């Protein structure tokens, strides 16, 4: 089964993907909500990591180490490294602290060295892109080179506030990061995949009309 379908099925089982009326940080009212924090068991994380690795391999991103931005990126990057180990590749993993440690080994970086390595950032979503920019700064300061970013779900919607003006360019947060930093942004699944999935699932068909309307109002083209 395709990793996109497996991911969406897993997200529904874990209640990480929900349908209803949700007010986002942007002020928009969304017919769906994704929370990677609901992948809260060993089995769920292992299945999620397999979806991530399949997406990474399908895109062909070359890297030496995975990096998880605090906080949700930490278990995700760790799980991805474990999945690579299960497949026979020993991948180094690193993550950051939100606040630099002033004692002991000090610093904000924990885990493998990034110096001279191609670093793949592993996170859940890209919203404002703040966490990604912080991660890119840490990678550069540590002597590494960012190789790409992989996220669970690309909402494929224009960044910004609740409304989009007539004729306004529609670029998602993921697209902005990719263009500004010249990096591939790989998503395990995207809104287009969710729409296709909902069209073939009788239990989700009732939500599809609102999903289509939301994409029409705020949508961008798929980034990866």
N, C-alpha and C. Protein backbone atom coordinates (compact mmCIF):
# COMPACT_ATOMS: atom_id res chain seq x y z
N UNK A 1 0.84 -1.20 0.00
CA UNK A 1 0.00 0.00 0.00
C UNK A 1 0.88 1.25 0.00
N UNK A 2 0.49 2.26 -0.75
CA UNK A 2 1.22 3.51 -0.83
C UNK A 2 1.37 4.17 0.54
N UNK A 3 2.55 4.81 0.78
CA UNK A 3 2.80 5.41 2.08
C UNK A 3 1.82 6.52 2.41
N UNK A 4 1.28 7.21 1.42
CA UNK A 4 0.31 8.27 1.68
C UNK A 4 -0.97 7.70 2.28
N UNK A 5 -1.44 6.63 1.67
CA UNK A 5 -2.67 5.99 2.17
C UNK A 5 -2.44 5.40 3.55
N UNK A 6 -1.29 4.74 3.75
CA UNK A 6 -0.99 4.17 5.07
C UNK A 6 -0.93 5.25 6.13
N UNK A 7 -0.32 6.38 5.78
CA UNK A 7 -0.22 7.49 6.73
C UNK A 7 -1.60 8.02 7.11
N UNK A 8 -2.45 8.25 6.13
CA UNK A 8 -3.77 8.80 6.41
C UNK A 8 -4.62 7.83 7.23
N UNK A 9 -4.52 6.55 6.93
CA UNK A 9 -5.24 5.55 7.73
C UNK A 9 -4.73 5.55 9.17
N UNK A 10 -3.42 5.62 9.33
CA UNK A 10 -2.81 5.65 10.65
C UNK A 10 -3.23 6.91 11.41
N UNK A 11 -3.23 8.06 10.73
CA UNK A 11 -3.61 9.32 11.37
C UNK A 11 -5.05 9.28 11.87
N UNK A 12 -5.92 8.66 11.11
CA UNK A 12 -7.32 8.53 11.53
C UNK A 12 -7.44 7.60 12.73
N UNK A 13 -6.74 6.47 12.71
CA UNK A 13 -6.79 5.52 13.84
C UNK A 13 -6.26 6.15 15.12
N UNK A 14 -5.22 6.97 14.98
CA UNK A 14 -4.59 7.59 16.15
C UNK A 14 -5.33 8.84 16.59
N UNK A 15 -6.35 9.25 15.86
CA UNK A 15 -7.09 10.49 16.11
C UNK A 15 -6.17 11.71 15.93
N UNK A 16 -5.11 11.54 15.16
CA UNK A 16 -4.23 12.67 14.84
C UNK A 16 -4.85 13.54 13.74
N UNK A 17 -5.74 12.95 12.95
CA UNK A 17 -6.46 13.66 11.90
C UNK A 17 -7.94 13.66 12.27
N UNK A 18 -8.47 14.87 12.44
CA UNK A 18 -9.86 15.00 12.89
C UNK A 18 -10.62 15.94 11.96
N UNK A 19 -11.92 15.74 11.88
CA UNK A 19 -12.78 16.57 11.05
C UNK A 19 -13.81 17.28 11.91
N UNK A 20 -14.15 18.50 11.53
CA UNK A 20 -15.10 19.31 12.29
C UNK A 20 -14.94 20.77 11.92
N UNK A 21 -14.96 21.64 12.93
CA UNK A 21 -14.76 23.07 12.71
C UNK A 21 -13.70 23.54 13.68
N UNK A 22 -12.51 23.83 13.16
CA UNK A 22 -11.37 24.17 14.01
C UNK A 22 -10.86 25.57 13.66
N UNK A 23 -10.64 26.38 14.68
CA UNK A 23 -10.06 27.70 14.47
C UNK A 23 -8.55 27.59 14.56
N UNK A 24 -7.87 27.91 13.47
CA UNK A 24 -6.42 27.80 13.43
C UNK A 24 -5.77 29.06 14.01
N UNK A 25 -4.47 28.99 14.24
CA UNK A 25 -3.72 30.14 14.77
C UNK A 25 -3.85 31.33 13.84
N UNK A 26 -4.02 31.08 12.55
CA UNK A 26 -4.17 32.15 11.56
C UNK A 26 -5.53 32.84 11.65
N UNK A 27 -6.47 32.21 12.38
CA UNK A 27 -7.82 32.74 12.46
C UNK A 27 -8.77 32.08 11.48
N UNK A 28 -8.25 31.28 10.58
CA UNK A 28 -9.10 30.58 9.63
C UNK A 28 -9.89 29.47 10.31
N UNK A 29 -11.07 29.18 9.75
CA UNK A 29 -11.88 28.06 10.24
C UNK A 29 -11.67 26.89 9.30
N UNK A 30 -11.01 25.86 9.81
CA UNK A 30 -10.64 24.72 9.00
C UNK A 30 -11.57 23.54 9.25
N UNK A 31 -11.92 22.79 8.21
CA UNK A 31 -12.76 21.60 8.38
C UNK A 31 -11.99 20.38 8.87
N UNK A 32 -10.66 20.54 9.04
CA UNK A 32 -9.87 19.42 9.55
C UNK A 32 -8.70 19.94 10.37
N UNK A 33 -8.16 19.06 11.19
CA UNK A 33 -7.06 19.45 12.07
C UNK A 33 -6.12 18.26 12.22
N UNK A 34 -4.81 18.54 12.18
CA UNK A 34 -3.81 17.49 12.31
C UNK A 34 -2.94 17.77 13.52
N UNK A 35 -2.78 16.75 14.36
CA UNK A 35 -1.96 16.87 15.57
C UNK A 35 -1.06 15.65 15.69
N UNK A 36 0.21 15.81 15.34
CA UNK A 36 1.15 14.69 15.38
C UNK A 36 1.41 14.20 16.79
N UNK A 37 1.06 14.98 17.79
CA UNK A 37 1.23 14.55 19.17
C UNK A 37 0.37 13.36 19.54
N UNK A 38 -0.63 13.05 18.70
CA UNK A 38 -1.50 11.91 18.98
C UNK A 38 -0.88 10.58 18.55
N UNK A 39 0.24 10.61 17.87
CA UNK A 39 0.99 9.37 17.61
C UNK A 39 1.78 9.09 18.88
N UNK A 40 1.10 8.57 19.88
CA UNK A 40 1.65 8.53 21.23
C UNK A 40 1.90 7.13 21.77
N UNK A 41 2.15 6.19 20.87
CA UNK A 41 2.52 4.85 21.29
C UNK A 41 3.67 4.35 20.44
N UNK A 42 4.36 3.33 20.92
CA UNK A 42 5.48 2.78 20.17
C UNK A 42 5.06 2.25 18.81
N UNK A 43 3.93 1.58 18.76
CA UNK A 43 3.45 1.01 17.50
C UNK A 43 3.11 2.12 16.51
N UNK A 44 2.38 3.14 16.98
CA UNK A 44 2.00 4.24 16.10
C UNK A 44 3.22 4.99 15.57
N UNK A 45 4.19 5.25 16.44
CA UNK A 45 5.40 5.94 16.00
C UNK A 45 6.21 5.11 15.01
N UNK A 46 6.25 3.80 15.24
CA UNK A 46 6.99 2.93 14.32
C UNK A 46 6.33 2.93 12.94
N UNK A 47 5.00 2.85 12.90
CA UNK A 47 4.29 2.87 11.63
C UNK A 47 4.44 4.23 10.94
N UNK A 48 4.40 5.30 11.73
CA UNK A 48 4.58 6.63 11.18
C UNK A 48 5.98 6.79 10.59
N UNK A 49 6.98 6.31 11.31
CA UNK A 49 8.37 6.41 10.83
C UNK A 49 8.55 5.67 9.51
N UNK A 50 7.89 4.54 9.36
CA UNK A 50 7.98 3.79 8.10
C UNK A 50 7.42 4.61 6.94
N UNK A 51 6.35 5.36 7.21
CA UNK A 51 5.77 6.22 6.18
C UNK A 51 6.74 7.34 5.82
N UNK A 52 7.37 7.93 6.84
CA UNK A 52 8.37 8.98 6.61
C UNK A 52 9.50 8.45 5.72
N UNK A 53 10.05 7.31 6.09
CA UNK A 53 11.21 6.78 5.35
C UNK A 53 10.82 6.44 3.92
N UNK A 54 9.64 5.90 3.72
CA UNK A 54 9.18 5.62 2.36
C UNK A 54 9.10 6.90 1.54
N UNK A 55 8.61 7.98 2.16
CA UNK A 55 8.50 9.26 1.46
C UNK A 55 9.88 9.82 1.13
N UNK A 56 10.80 9.72 2.08
CA UNK A 56 12.17 10.21 1.87
C UNK A 56 12.83 9.44 0.73
N UNK A 57 12.69 8.13 0.74
CA UNK A 57 13.32 7.32 -0.30
C UNK A 57 12.67 7.54 -1.66
N UNK A 58 11.38 7.77 -1.67
CA UNK A 58 10.69 8.03 -2.94
C UNK A 58 11.17 9.34 -3.56
N UNK A 59 11.50 10.30 -2.71
CA UNK A 59 11.95 11.60 -3.20
C UNK A 59 13.44 11.61 -3.53
N UNK A 60 14.19 10.66 -2.96
CA UNK A 60 15.60 10.54 -3.26
C UNK A 60 16.50 11.57 -2.60
N UNK A 61 16.13 12.05 -1.41
CA UNK A 61 16.96 13.03 -0.70
C UNK A 61 18.20 12.33 -0.12
N UNK A 62 19.37 12.86 -0.42
CA UNK A 62 20.63 12.32 0.11
C UNK A 62 20.99 13.07 1.38
N UNK A 63 21.32 12.35 2.45
CA UNK A 63 21.65 12.98 3.73
C UNK A 63 22.53 12.06 4.55
N UNK A 64 23.13 12.64 5.58
CA UNK A 64 24.02 11.88 6.46
C UNK A 64 23.48 11.74 7.88
N UNK A 65 22.65 12.69 8.33
CA UNK A 65 22.15 12.70 9.70
C UNK A 65 20.75 13.32 9.70
N UNK A 66 19.90 12.85 10.62
CA UNK A 66 18.57 13.44 10.75
C UNK A 66 18.55 14.35 11.97
N UNK A 67 17.80 15.45 11.86
CA UNK A 67 17.73 16.45 12.92
C UNK A 67 16.27 16.73 13.25
N UNK A 68 15.91 16.65 14.53
CA UNK A 68 14.55 16.91 14.96
C UNK A 68 14.46 18.20 15.75
N UNK A 69 13.79 19.23 15.21
CA UNK A 69 13.61 20.48 15.96
C UNK A 69 12.71 20.26 17.17
N UNK A 70 13.10 20.83 18.31
CA UNK A 70 12.27 20.73 19.51
C UNK A 70 10.92 21.43 19.25
N UNK A 71 9.77 20.82 19.66
CA UNK A 71 9.75 19.61 20.46
C UNK A 71 9.26 18.39 19.65
N UNK A 72 8.26 18.56 18.81
CA UNK A 72 7.67 17.41 18.13
C UNK A 72 8.64 16.73 17.18
N UNK A 73 9.62 17.47 16.69
CA UNK A 73 10.59 16.87 15.79
C UNK A 73 11.50 15.86 16.46
N UNK A 74 11.63 15.95 17.79
CA UNK A 74 12.55 15.06 18.50
C UNK A 74 12.12 13.60 18.42
N UNK A 75 10.90 13.23 18.84
CA UNK A 75 10.51 11.82 18.70
C UNK A 75 10.39 11.39 17.25
N UNK A 76 10.02 12.31 16.36
CA UNK A 76 9.88 11.95 14.95
C UNK A 76 11.23 11.59 14.34
N UNK A 77 12.24 12.42 14.58
CA UNK A 77 13.58 12.13 14.04
C UNK A 77 14.14 10.85 14.65
N UNK A 78 13.91 10.66 15.94
CA UNK A 78 14.39 9.45 16.61
C UNK A 78 13.73 8.20 16.01
N UNK A 79 12.42 8.28 15.80
CA UNK A 79 11.69 7.14 15.22
C UNK A 79 12.16 6.86 13.80
N UNK A 80 12.42 7.92 13.03
CA UNK A 80 12.92 7.74 11.66
C UNK A 80 14.28 7.06 11.65
N UNK A 81 15.17 7.48 12.57
CA UNK A 81 16.48 6.84 12.66
C UNK A 81 16.34 5.36 13.02
N UNK A 82 15.42 5.04 13.91
CA UNK A 82 15.18 3.64 14.30
C UNK A 82 14.64 2.83 13.12
N UNK A 83 13.79 3.45 12.30
CA UNK A 83 13.26 2.75 11.12
C UNK A 83 14.37 2.49 10.11
N UNK A 84 15.26 3.45 9.94
CA UNK A 84 16.40 3.22 9.05
C UNK A 84 17.26 2.07 9.57
N UNK A 85 17.46 2.02 10.89
CA UNK A 85 18.23 0.93 11.49
C UNK A 85 17.56 -0.41 11.21
N UNK A 86 16.24 -0.44 11.31
CA UNK A 86 15.50 -1.67 11.03
C UNK A 86 15.72 -2.12 9.59
N UNK A 87 15.93 -1.15 8.70
CA UNK A 87 16.13 -1.45 7.29
C UNK A 87 17.61 -1.65 6.94
N UNK A 88 18.48 -1.57 7.94
CA UNK A 88 19.89 -1.87 7.71
C UNK A 88 20.81 -0.69 7.56
N UNK A 89 20.31 0.52 7.80
CA UNK A 89 21.17 1.71 7.71
C UNK A 89 21.22 2.39 9.08
N UNK A 90 22.43 2.60 9.59
CA UNK A 90 22.61 3.25 10.89
C UNK A 90 22.74 4.75 10.67
N UNK A 91 21.66 5.49 10.94
CA UNK A 91 21.61 6.93 10.69
C UNK A 91 21.82 7.70 11.99
N UNK A 92 22.80 8.60 12.06
CA UNK A 92 22.97 9.44 13.24
C UNK A 92 21.76 10.37 13.42
N UNK A 93 21.48 10.73 14.67
CA UNK A 93 20.33 11.60 14.95
C UNK A 93 20.73 12.67 15.95
N UNK A 94 20.19 13.86 15.78
CA UNK A 94 20.47 14.98 16.67
C UNK A 94 19.19 15.80 16.83
N UNK A 95 19.15 16.58 17.90
CA UNK A 95 18.04 17.50 18.11
C UNK A 95 18.53 18.65 18.97
N UNK A 96 17.68 19.66 19.14
CA UNK A 96 18.09 20.84 19.89
C UNK A 96 17.26 21.03 21.15
N UNK A 97 17.82 21.78 22.08
CA UNK A 97 17.08 22.25 23.25
C UNK A 97 16.45 23.60 22.90
N UNK A 98 15.33 23.90 23.52
CA UNK A 98 14.74 25.22 23.34
C UNK A 98 15.60 26.30 23.98
N UNK A 99 16.24 25.94 25.11
CA UNK A 99 17.12 26.88 25.79
C UNK A 99 18.49 26.25 25.92
N UNK A 100 19.52 26.98 25.55
CA UNK A 100 20.88 26.45 25.62
C UNK A 100 21.26 26.11 27.05
N UNK A 101 21.97 25.00 27.22
CA UNK A 101 22.41 24.54 28.53
C UNK A 101 23.74 25.20 28.88
N UNK A 102 23.81 25.81 30.07
CA UNK A 102 25.00 26.56 30.46
C UNK A 102 25.99 25.72 31.26
N UNK A 103 25.58 24.48 31.67
CA UNK A 103 26.46 23.63 32.45
C UNK A 103 26.67 22.30 31.73
N UNK A 104 27.53 21.45 32.31
CA UNK A 104 27.80 20.16 31.67
C UNK A 104 28.43 20.37 30.30
N UNK A 105 27.88 19.66 29.30
CA UNK A 105 28.43 19.80 27.95
C UNK A 105 28.02 21.11 27.30
N UNK A 106 26.99 21.77 27.85
CA UNK A 106 26.56 23.07 27.36
C UNK A 106 25.96 23.02 25.97
N UNK A 107 25.57 24.21 25.48
CA UNK A 107 25.05 24.32 24.13
C UNK A 107 23.59 23.94 23.99
N UNK A 108 23.11 24.01 22.76
CA UNK A 108 21.70 23.71 22.47
C UNK A 108 21.53 22.44 21.66
N UNK A 109 22.63 21.83 21.22
CA UNK A 109 22.55 20.65 20.37
C UNK A 109 22.82 19.38 21.16
N UNK A 110 21.99 18.36 20.94
CA UNK A 110 22.13 17.07 21.61
C UNK A 110 22.22 15.99 20.53
N UNK A 111 23.12 15.04 20.75
CA UNK A 111 23.22 13.91 19.82
C UNK A 111 24.40 14.00 18.89
N UNK A 112 24.22 13.49 17.69
CA UNK A 112 25.31 13.38 16.73
C UNK A 112 25.82 14.75 16.28
N UNK A 113 27.08 14.80 15.92
CA UNK A 113 27.67 16.02 15.37
C UNK A 113 27.09 16.29 13.97
N UNK A 114 26.89 17.57 13.69
CA UNK A 114 26.41 17.97 12.37
C UNK A 114 27.54 18.48 11.48
N UNK A 115 28.69 18.63 12.05
CA UNK A 115 29.83 19.24 11.35
C UNK A 115 30.22 18.45 10.10
N UNK A 116 30.18 19.13 8.97
CA UNK A 116 30.56 18.52 7.70
C UNK A 116 29.56 17.53 7.15
N UNK A 117 28.36 17.49 7.71
CA UNK A 117 27.36 16.51 7.30
C UNK A 117 26.16 17.16 6.62
N UNK A 118 25.52 16.39 5.75
CA UNK A 118 24.26 16.81 5.13
C UNK A 118 23.14 16.43 6.08
N UNK A 119 22.33 17.41 6.45
CA UNK A 119 21.36 17.24 7.53
C UNK A 119 19.93 17.29 7.00
N UNK A 120 19.17 16.26 7.30
CA UNK A 120 17.75 16.20 6.94
C UNK A 120 16.92 16.58 8.15
N UNK A 121 16.13 17.63 8.03
CA UNK A 121 15.26 18.08 9.12
C UNK A 121 13.97 17.29 9.09
N UNK A 122 13.59 16.72 10.22
CA UNK A 122 12.38 15.91 10.33
C UNK A 122 11.42 16.60 11.30
N UNK A 123 10.22 16.97 10.81
CA UNK A 123 9.25 17.65 11.67
C UNK A 123 7.84 17.19 11.30
N UNK A 124 6.83 17.77 11.98
CA UNK A 124 5.46 17.34 11.72
C UNK A 124 4.80 18.15 10.61
N UNK A 125 4.83 19.48 10.75
CA UNK A 125 4.25 20.37 9.75
C UNK A 125 5.11 21.62 9.65
N UNK A 126 4.85 22.43 8.64
CA UNK A 126 5.43 23.77 8.57
C UNK A 126 4.28 24.75 8.58
N UNK A 127 4.23 25.59 9.60
CA UNK A 127 3.16 26.59 9.68
C UNK A 127 3.76 27.96 9.32
N UNK A 128 4.29 28.65 10.30
CA UNK A 128 4.92 29.95 10.02
C UNK A 128 6.36 29.77 9.55
N UNK A 129 6.93 28.58 9.74
CA UNK A 129 8.30 28.33 9.32
C UNK A 129 9.34 28.74 10.35
N UNK A 130 8.88 29.21 11.52
CA UNK A 130 9.81 29.70 12.55
C UNK A 130 10.74 28.60 13.04
N UNK A 131 10.18 27.43 13.37
CA UNK A 131 10.99 26.32 13.89
C UNK A 131 12.01 25.86 12.85
N UNK A 132 11.62 25.88 11.57
CA UNK A 132 12.54 25.46 10.51
C UNK A 132 13.69 26.45 10.38
N UNK A 133 13.39 27.73 10.43
CA UNK A 133 14.45 28.74 10.34
C UNK A 133 15.43 28.62 11.51
N UNK A 134 14.89 28.35 12.70
CA UNK A 134 15.75 28.14 13.86
C UNK A 134 16.64 26.91 13.64
N UNK A 135 16.05 25.84 13.11
CA UNK A 135 16.81 24.62 12.85
C UNK A 135 17.91 24.87 11.82
N UNK A 136 17.60 25.62 10.78
CA UNK A 136 18.60 25.93 9.76
C UNK A 136 19.75 26.73 10.35
N UNK A 137 19.44 27.65 11.29
CA UNK A 137 20.49 28.42 11.96
C UNK A 137 21.39 27.54 12.79
N UNK A 138 20.80 26.59 13.52
CA UNK A 138 21.57 25.67 14.35
C UNK A 138 22.48 24.80 13.48
N UNK A 139 21.93 24.31 12.37
CA UNK A 139 22.71 23.46 11.46
C UNK A 139 23.91 24.22 10.91
N UNK A 140 23.68 25.46 10.47
CA UNK A 140 24.77 26.26 9.91
C UNK A 140 25.82 26.56 10.98
N UNK A 141 25.37 26.92 12.19
CA UNK A 141 26.31 27.24 13.28
C UNK A 141 27.12 26.02 13.69
N UNK A 142 26.56 24.83 13.45
CA UNK A 142 27.23 23.59 13.85
C UNK A 142 28.09 23.02 12.73
N UNK A 143 28.21 23.73 11.62
CA UNK A 143 29.06 23.29 10.52
C UNK A 143 28.41 22.32 9.56
N UNK A 144 27.09 22.12 9.69
CA UNK A 144 26.40 21.21 8.79
C UNK A 144 25.80 21.93 7.59
N UNK A 145 25.29 21.15 6.66
CA UNK A 145 24.61 21.68 5.49
C UNK A 145 23.22 21.07 5.41
N UNK A 146 22.20 21.91 5.37
CA UNK A 146 20.83 21.40 5.28
C UNK A 146 20.62 20.71 3.94
N UNK A 147 20.11 19.46 3.99
CA UNK A 147 19.89 18.69 2.77
C UNK A 147 18.43 18.70 2.34
N UNK A 148 17.53 18.98 3.27
CA UNK A 148 16.11 18.97 2.95
C UNK A 148 15.28 18.92 4.21
N UNK A 149 13.98 18.95 4.03
CA UNK A 149 13.03 18.93 5.14
C UNK A 149 11.96 17.90 4.81
N UNK A 150 11.59 17.10 5.78
CA UNK A 150 10.48 16.16 5.58
C UNK A 150 9.45 16.39 6.68
N UNK A 151 8.19 16.51 6.27
CA UNK A 151 7.10 16.74 7.21
C UNK A 151 6.02 15.68 6.99
N UNK A 152 5.14 15.56 7.96
CA UNK A 152 4.07 14.57 7.85
C UNK A 152 2.99 15.02 6.88
N UNK A 153 2.45 16.22 7.10
CA UNK A 153 1.31 16.67 6.32
C UNK A 153 1.53 18.08 5.80
N UNK A 154 1.37 18.24 4.49
CA UNK A 154 1.41 19.57 3.86
C UNK A 154 -0.04 20.00 3.66
N UNK A 155 -0.46 21.04 4.38
CA UNK A 155 -1.83 21.53 4.26
C UNK A 155 -2.07 22.22 2.91
N UNK A 156 -0.99 22.55 2.20
CA UNK A 156 -1.09 23.16 0.87
C UNK A 156 -1.95 24.41 0.87
N UNK A 157 -1.84 25.22 1.92
CA UNK A 157 -2.62 26.44 1.95
C UNK A 157 -1.73 27.66 2.07
N UNK A 158 -2.22 28.76 1.54
CA UNK A 158 -1.46 30.00 1.53
C UNK A 158 -1.19 30.45 2.96
N UNK A 159 0.05 30.86 3.20
CA UNK A 159 0.39 31.39 4.51
C UNK A 159 -0.19 32.78 4.65
N UNK A 160 -0.37 33.22 5.90
CA UNK A 160 -0.93 34.54 6.13
C UNK A 160 -2.13 34.47 7.04
N UNK A 161 -2.93 35.52 7.04
CA UNK A 161 -4.06 35.62 7.95
C UNK A 161 -5.29 34.88 7.48
N UNK A 162 -6.43 35.23 8.09
CA UNK A 162 -7.67 34.51 7.84
C UNK A 162 -8.20 34.72 6.42
N UNK A 163 -7.89 35.87 5.84
CA UNK A 163 -8.42 36.18 4.51
C UNK A 163 -7.28 36.32 3.49
N UNK A 164 -7.61 36.05 2.24
CA UNK A 164 -6.66 36.24 1.15
C UNK A 164 -7.26 37.24 0.17
N UNK A 165 -6.53 38.29 -0.12
CA UNK A 165 -7.04 39.32 -1.02
C UNK A 165 -7.15 38.83 -2.45
N UNK A 166 -8.00 39.49 -3.20
CA UNK A 166 -8.18 39.14 -4.62
C UNK A 166 -6.87 39.33 -5.37
N UNK A 167 -6.48 38.31 -6.13
CA UNK A 167 -5.27 38.39 -6.92
C UNK A 167 -3.99 38.20 -6.15
N UNK A 168 -4.11 37.95 -4.84
CA UNK A 168 -2.91 37.78 -4.01
C UNK A 168 -2.21 36.46 -4.35
N UNK A 169 -0.88 36.50 -4.44
CA UNK A 169 -0.12 35.29 -4.74
C UNK A 169 -0.30 34.27 -3.63
N UNK A 170 -0.50 33.02 -4.02
CA UNK A 170 -0.74 31.97 -3.04
C UNK A 170 0.49 31.08 -2.93
N UNK A 171 1.25 31.27 -1.87
CA UNK A 171 2.41 30.44 -1.61
C UNK A 171 2.29 29.92 -0.18
N UNK A 172 2.41 28.61 -0.02
CA UNK A 172 2.30 28.02 1.31
C UNK A 172 3.56 28.25 2.10
N UNK A 173 3.49 27.99 3.41
CA UNK A 173 4.66 28.11 4.26
C UNK A 173 5.75 27.15 3.78
N UNK A 174 5.35 25.94 3.38
CA UNK A 174 6.32 24.96 2.88
C UNK A 174 6.98 25.45 1.60
N UNK A 175 6.20 26.02 0.70
CA UNK A 175 6.74 26.54 -0.55
C UNK A 175 7.68 27.71 -0.28
N UNK A 176 7.33 28.56 0.67
CA UNK A 176 8.16 29.70 1.02
C UNK A 176 9.52 29.25 1.54
N UNK A 177 9.51 28.26 2.44
CA UNK A 177 10.76 27.72 2.97
C UNK A 177 11.60 27.11 1.86
N UNK A 178 10.97 26.33 0.99
CA UNK A 178 11.69 25.67 -0.10
C UNK A 178 12.34 26.69 -1.03
N UNK A 179 11.60 27.74 -1.38
CA UNK A 179 12.12 28.74 -2.31
C UNK A 179 13.16 29.64 -1.65
N UNK A 180 12.90 30.05 -0.42
CA UNK A 180 13.82 30.96 0.25
C UNK A 180 15.16 30.32 0.55
N UNK A 181 15.15 29.01 0.82
CA UNK A 181 16.38 28.35 1.24
C UNK A 181 16.92 27.35 0.22
N UNK A 182 16.21 27.21 -0.90
CA UNK A 182 16.67 26.30 -1.95
C UNK A 182 16.73 24.86 -1.50
N UNK A 183 15.74 24.43 -0.71
CA UNK A 183 15.73 23.08 -0.15
C UNK A 183 14.49 22.31 -0.59
N UNK A 184 14.64 21.00 -0.81
CA UNK A 184 13.44 20.20 -1.05
C UNK A 184 12.63 20.04 0.23
N UNK A 185 11.33 20.19 0.12
CA UNK A 185 10.43 19.93 1.25
C UNK A 185 9.56 18.74 0.87
N UNK A 186 9.77 17.63 1.54
CA UNK A 186 9.06 16.39 1.26
C UNK A 186 7.93 16.22 2.27
N UNK A 187 6.75 15.94 1.79
CA UNK A 187 5.63 15.65 2.70
C UNK A 187 5.22 14.19 2.54
N UNK A 188 4.91 13.54 3.66
CA UNK A 188 4.42 12.17 3.60
C UNK A 188 3.09 12.15 2.86
N UNK A 189 2.24 13.15 3.14
CA UNK A 189 0.96 13.31 2.44
C UNK A 189 0.60 14.78 2.42
N UNK A 190 -0.36 15.13 1.58
CA UNK A 190 -0.78 16.52 1.45
C UNK A 190 -2.30 16.56 1.32
N UNK A 191 -2.84 17.79 1.31
CA UNK A 191 -4.29 17.94 1.22
C UNK A 191 -4.85 17.26 -0.02
N UNK A 192 -4.14 17.33 -1.14
CA UNK A 192 -4.60 16.63 -2.36
C UNK A 192 -4.78 15.14 -2.10
N UNK A 193 -3.83 14.56 -1.36
CA UNK A 193 -3.92 13.13 -1.03
C UNK A 193 -5.11 12.85 -0.13
N UNK A 194 -5.36 13.76 0.82
CA UNK A 194 -6.50 13.60 1.72
C UNK A 194 -7.81 13.66 0.94
N UNK A 195 -7.90 14.56 -0.03
CA UNK A 195 -9.11 14.67 -0.84
C UNK A 195 -9.35 13.39 -1.64
N UNK A 196 -8.28 12.84 -2.22
CA UNK A 196 -8.41 11.60 -2.99
C UNK A 196 -8.80 10.45 -2.07
N UNK A 197 -8.21 10.42 -0.88
CA UNK A 197 -8.52 9.39 0.10
C UNK A 197 -9.97 9.48 0.55
N UNK A 198 -10.46 10.71 0.80
CA UNK A 198 -11.84 10.90 1.26
C UNK A 198 -12.84 10.49 0.19
N UNK A 199 -12.46 10.67 -1.09
CA UNK A 199 -13.37 10.34 -2.18
C UNK A 199 -13.63 8.85 -2.27
N UNK A 200 -12.71 8.04 -1.73
CA UNK A 200 -12.85 6.58 -1.81
C UNK A 200 -13.25 5.95 -0.49
N UNK A 201 -13.53 6.78 0.51
CA UNK A 201 -13.91 6.27 1.83
C UNK A 201 -15.30 6.80 2.16
N UNK A 202 -16.27 5.90 2.26
CA UNK A 202 -17.66 6.31 2.49
C UNK A 202 -17.81 7.09 3.79
N UNK A 203 -17.02 6.74 4.80
CA UNK A 203 -17.12 7.41 6.10
C UNK A 203 -16.62 8.85 6.04
N UNK A 204 -15.77 9.15 5.06
CA UNK A 204 -15.18 10.49 4.96
C UNK A 204 -15.81 11.33 3.86
N UNK A 205 -16.61 10.71 3.01
CA UNK A 205 -17.18 11.42 1.87
C UNK A 205 -17.97 12.66 2.31
N UNK A 206 -18.60 12.58 3.48
CA UNK A 206 -19.40 13.70 3.97
C UNK A 206 -18.55 14.95 4.23
N UNK A 207 -17.26 14.74 4.49
CA UNK A 207 -16.37 15.87 4.79
C UNK A 207 -15.73 16.45 3.53
N UNK A 208 -15.82 15.74 2.43
CA UNK A 208 -15.05 16.12 1.25
C UNK A 208 -15.49 17.47 0.68
N UNK A 209 -16.77 17.76 0.68
CA UNK A 209 -17.25 19.03 0.13
C UNK A 209 -16.65 20.22 0.87
N UNK A 210 -16.56 20.13 2.19
CA UNK A 210 -15.98 21.22 2.97
C UNK A 210 -14.47 21.31 2.75
N UNK A 211 -13.81 20.17 2.56
CA UNK A 211 -12.38 20.17 2.26
C UNK A 211 -12.10 20.85 0.92
N UNK A 212 -12.93 20.55 -0.08
CA UNK A 212 -12.77 21.16 -1.40
C UNK A 212 -12.99 22.66 -1.32
N UNK A 213 -14.00 23.07 -0.56
CA UNK A 213 -14.29 24.50 -0.41
C UNK A 213 -13.14 25.22 0.28
N UNK A 214 -12.55 24.57 1.27
CA UNK A 214 -11.43 25.17 2.00
C UNK A 214 -10.22 25.31 1.08
N UNK A 215 -9.96 24.28 0.29
CA UNK A 215 -8.84 24.35 -0.65
C UNK A 215 -9.07 25.45 -1.68
N UNK A 216 -10.33 25.62 -2.12
CA UNK A 216 -10.64 26.66 -3.09
C UNK A 216 -10.37 28.05 -2.51
N UNK A 217 -10.66 28.19 -1.21
CA UNK A 217 -10.50 29.50 -0.56
C UNK A 217 -9.05 29.81 -0.24
N UNK A 218 -8.27 28.80 0.15
CA UNK A 218 -6.94 29.07 0.68
C UNK A 218 -5.82 28.24 0.05
N UNK A 219 -6.14 27.40 -0.90
CA UNK A 219 -5.19 26.39 -1.35
C UNK A 219 -4.06 26.87 -2.24
N UNK A 220 -2.97 26.09 -2.22
CA UNK A 220 -1.81 26.24 -3.10
C UNK A 220 -1.58 24.90 -3.78
N UNK A 221 -0.67 24.88 -4.73
CA UNK A 221 -0.31 23.63 -5.38
C UNK A 221 0.60 22.82 -4.45
N UNK A 222 0.61 21.52 -4.65
CA UNK A 222 1.44 20.62 -3.85
C UNK A 222 2.91 20.94 -4.01
N UNK A 223 3.67 20.84 -2.88
CA UNK A 223 5.09 21.19 -2.90
C UNK A 223 5.98 20.01 -3.19
N UNK A 224 5.57 18.80 -2.87
CA UNK A 224 6.44 17.63 -3.06
C UNK A 224 5.62 16.39 -3.26
